Amino acid sequence: MTETWQTIAHLADRLEAHSTLPREQRILLQLLKIQEEAGEVAEAVIGAMGQNPRKGHSHTWEDVEAEVCDVIVTGMVALRRMNPEAASVFARHMEGVVARGLDKAEKAEDAAGR
């Protein structure tokens, strides 16, 4: 298990240890947390672009990057809370993403007369 997934497992285990809710509710709330974090990305983008009349330029693009990282971590924690084999699940998913991406790129190159 990579260091990143070890950290994710620690975070997920800590959250599990502090909740008294049934498992299904814990997972649902964790999934909702992804949306909450995505909303913070939107708020940061609006702030970085100065599009909130009350706040002006309230965020930087570095703030946006940090919020995107929070979305990723929250998603990884959600996956780990759903399945203790999250690292393997994610690795298999990424293999499919890579295969689809390479297939499309190869087909586009073939269509271009390569």
Protein backbone atom coordinates (compact mmCIF):
# COMPACT_ATOMS: atom_id res chain seq x y z
CA MET A 1 0.00 0.00 0.00
CA THR A 2 1.43 3.39 -0.92
CA GLU A 3 2.04 6.13 1.61
CA THR A 4 -0.92 8.07 0.21
CA TRP A 5 -3.28 5.13 0.64
CA GLN A 6 -1.88 4.53 4.15
CA THR A 7 -2.79 8.11 5.03
CA ILE A 8 -6.24 7.68 3.49
CA ALA A 9 -6.76 4.48 5.48
CA HIS A 10 -5.76 6.29 8.67
CA LEU A 11 -8.21 9.13 7.96
CA ALA A 12 -11.03 6.71 7.10
CA ASP A 13 -10.37 4.59 10.17
CA ARG A 14 -10.36 7.66 12.40
CA LEU A 15 -13.70 8.80 10.97
CA GLU A 16 -15.15 5.32 11.42
CA ALA A 17 -14.00 5.22 15.04
CA HIS A 18 -15.70 8.53 15.84
CA SER A 19 -19.12 7.78 14.37
CA THR A 20 -21.96 5.96 16.06
CA LEU A 21 -24.18 5.99 12.97
CA PRO A 22 -25.01 2.82 11.07
CA ARG A 23 -22.53 1.98 8.28
CA GLU A 24 -24.92 2.92 5.47
CA GLN A 25 -25.47 6.38 6.93
CA ARG A 26 -21.73 6.89 7.49
CA ILE A 27 -21.07 6.12 3.84
CA LEU A 28 -23.90 8.32 2.60
CA LEU A 29 -22.66 11.25 4.67
CA GLN A 30 -19.11 10.73 3.41
CA LEU A 31 -20.40 10.77 -0.17
CA LEU A 32 -22.26 14.02 0.54
CA LYS A 33 -18.99 15.42 1.90
CA ILE A 34 -17.57 15.17 -1.63
CA GLN A 35 -20.27 17.56 -2.85
CA GLU A 36 -19.60 19.92 0.04
CA GLU A 37 -15.91 20.04 -0.87
CA ALA A 38 -16.77 20.57 -4.56
CA GLY A 39 -18.84 23.57 -3.50
CA GLU A 40 -15.74 24.97 -1.82
CA VAL A 41 -13.91 24.62 -5.14
CA ALA A 42 -16.66 26.67 -6.79
CA GLU A 43 -16.47 29.31 -4.06
CA ALA A 44 -12.69 29.53 -4.45
CA VAL A 45 -12.93 29.88 -8.26
CA ILE A 46 -15.50 32.65 -7.91
CA GLY A 47 -13.25 34.33 -5.37
CA ALA A 48 -10.13 33.92 -7.49
CA MET A 49 -11.95 35.55 -10.40
CA GLY A 50 -13.30 38.35 -8.19
CA GLN A 51 -16.89 37.58 -9.13
CA ASN A 52 -18.48 37.89 -5.68
CA PRO A 53 -19.51 41.56 -5.39
CA ARG A 54 -19.36 41.45 -1.58
CA LYS A 55 -15.94 39.81 -1.33
CA GLY A 56 -14.04 40.76 -4.47
CA HIS A 57 -10.84 38.77 -4.99
CA SER A 58 -11.20 36.65 -1.86
CA HIS A 59 -9.21 33.60 -3.06
CA THR A 60 -6.12 32.77 -5.07
CA TRP A 61 -5.59 30.05 -7.65
CA GLU A 62 -3.48 28.31 -5.02
CA ASP A 63 -6.63 28.26 -2.85
CA VAL A 64 -8.47 26.62 -5.76
CA GLU A 65 -5.74 23.99 -6.04
CA ALA A 66 -5.99 23.26 -2.31
CA GLU A 67 -9.76 22.88 -2.55
CA VAL A 68 -9.41 20.49 -5.51
CA CYS A 69 -6.97 18.46 -3.41
CA ASP A 70 -9.59 18.36 -0.63
CA VAL A 71 -12.12 16.96 -3.12
CA ILE A 72 -9.67 14.25 -4.17
CA VAL A 73 -8.81 13.30 -0.59
CA THR A 74 -12.48 13.25 0.38
CA GLY A 75 -13.27 10.99 -2.57
CA MET A 76 -10.43 8.65 -1.67
CA VAL A 77 -11.63 8.51 1.95
CA ALA A 78 -15.15 7.77 0.72
CA LEU A 79 -13.89 4.91 -1.43
CA ARG A 80 -11.86 3.51 1.49
CA ARG A 81 -14.86 3.74 3.83
CA MET A 82 -16.91 1.85 1.25
CA ASN A 83 -14.27 -0.79 0.53
CA PRO A 84 -11.14 -1.62 2.54
CA GLU A 85 -9.50 -2.65 -0.76
CA ALA A 86 -9.89 0.90 -2.10
CA ALA A 87 -6.31 1.09 -3.40
CA SER A 88 -6.88 -1.99 -5.57
CA VAL A 89 -10.30 -0.77 -6.70
CA PHE A 90 -8.80 2.56 -7.72
CA ALA A 91 -5.82 0.94 -9.47
CA ARG A 92 -8.16 -1.25 -11.55
CA HIS A 93 -10.30 1.77 -12.39
CA MET A 94 -7.22 3.73 -13.51
CA GLU A 95 -6.16 0.83 -15.74
CA GLY A 96 -9.52 1.16 -17.48
CA VAL A 97 -9.14 4.92 -17.78
CA VAL A 98 -5.70 4.51 -19.33
CA ALA A 99 -6.93 1.82 -21.71
CA ARG A 100 -9.87 3.94 -22.86
CA GLY A 101 -7.65 6.98 -23.31
CA LEU A 102 -5.02 5.07 -25.28
CA ASP A 103 -7.66 3.40 -27.43
CA LYS A 104 -9.15 6.79 -28.34
CA ALA A 105 -5.74 8.30 -29.05
CA GLU A 106 -4.73 5.35 -31.25
CA LYS A 107 -8.02 5.48 -33.17
CA ALA A 108 -7.60 9.20 -33.73
CA GLU A 109 -4.05 8.68 -35.00
CA ASP A 110 -5.25 5.88 -37.31
CA ALA A 111 -8.04 8.09 -38.62
CA ALA A 112 -5.49 10.82 -39.33
CA GLY A 113 -3.67 8.41 -41.64
CA ARG A 114 -0.86 7.33 -39.41
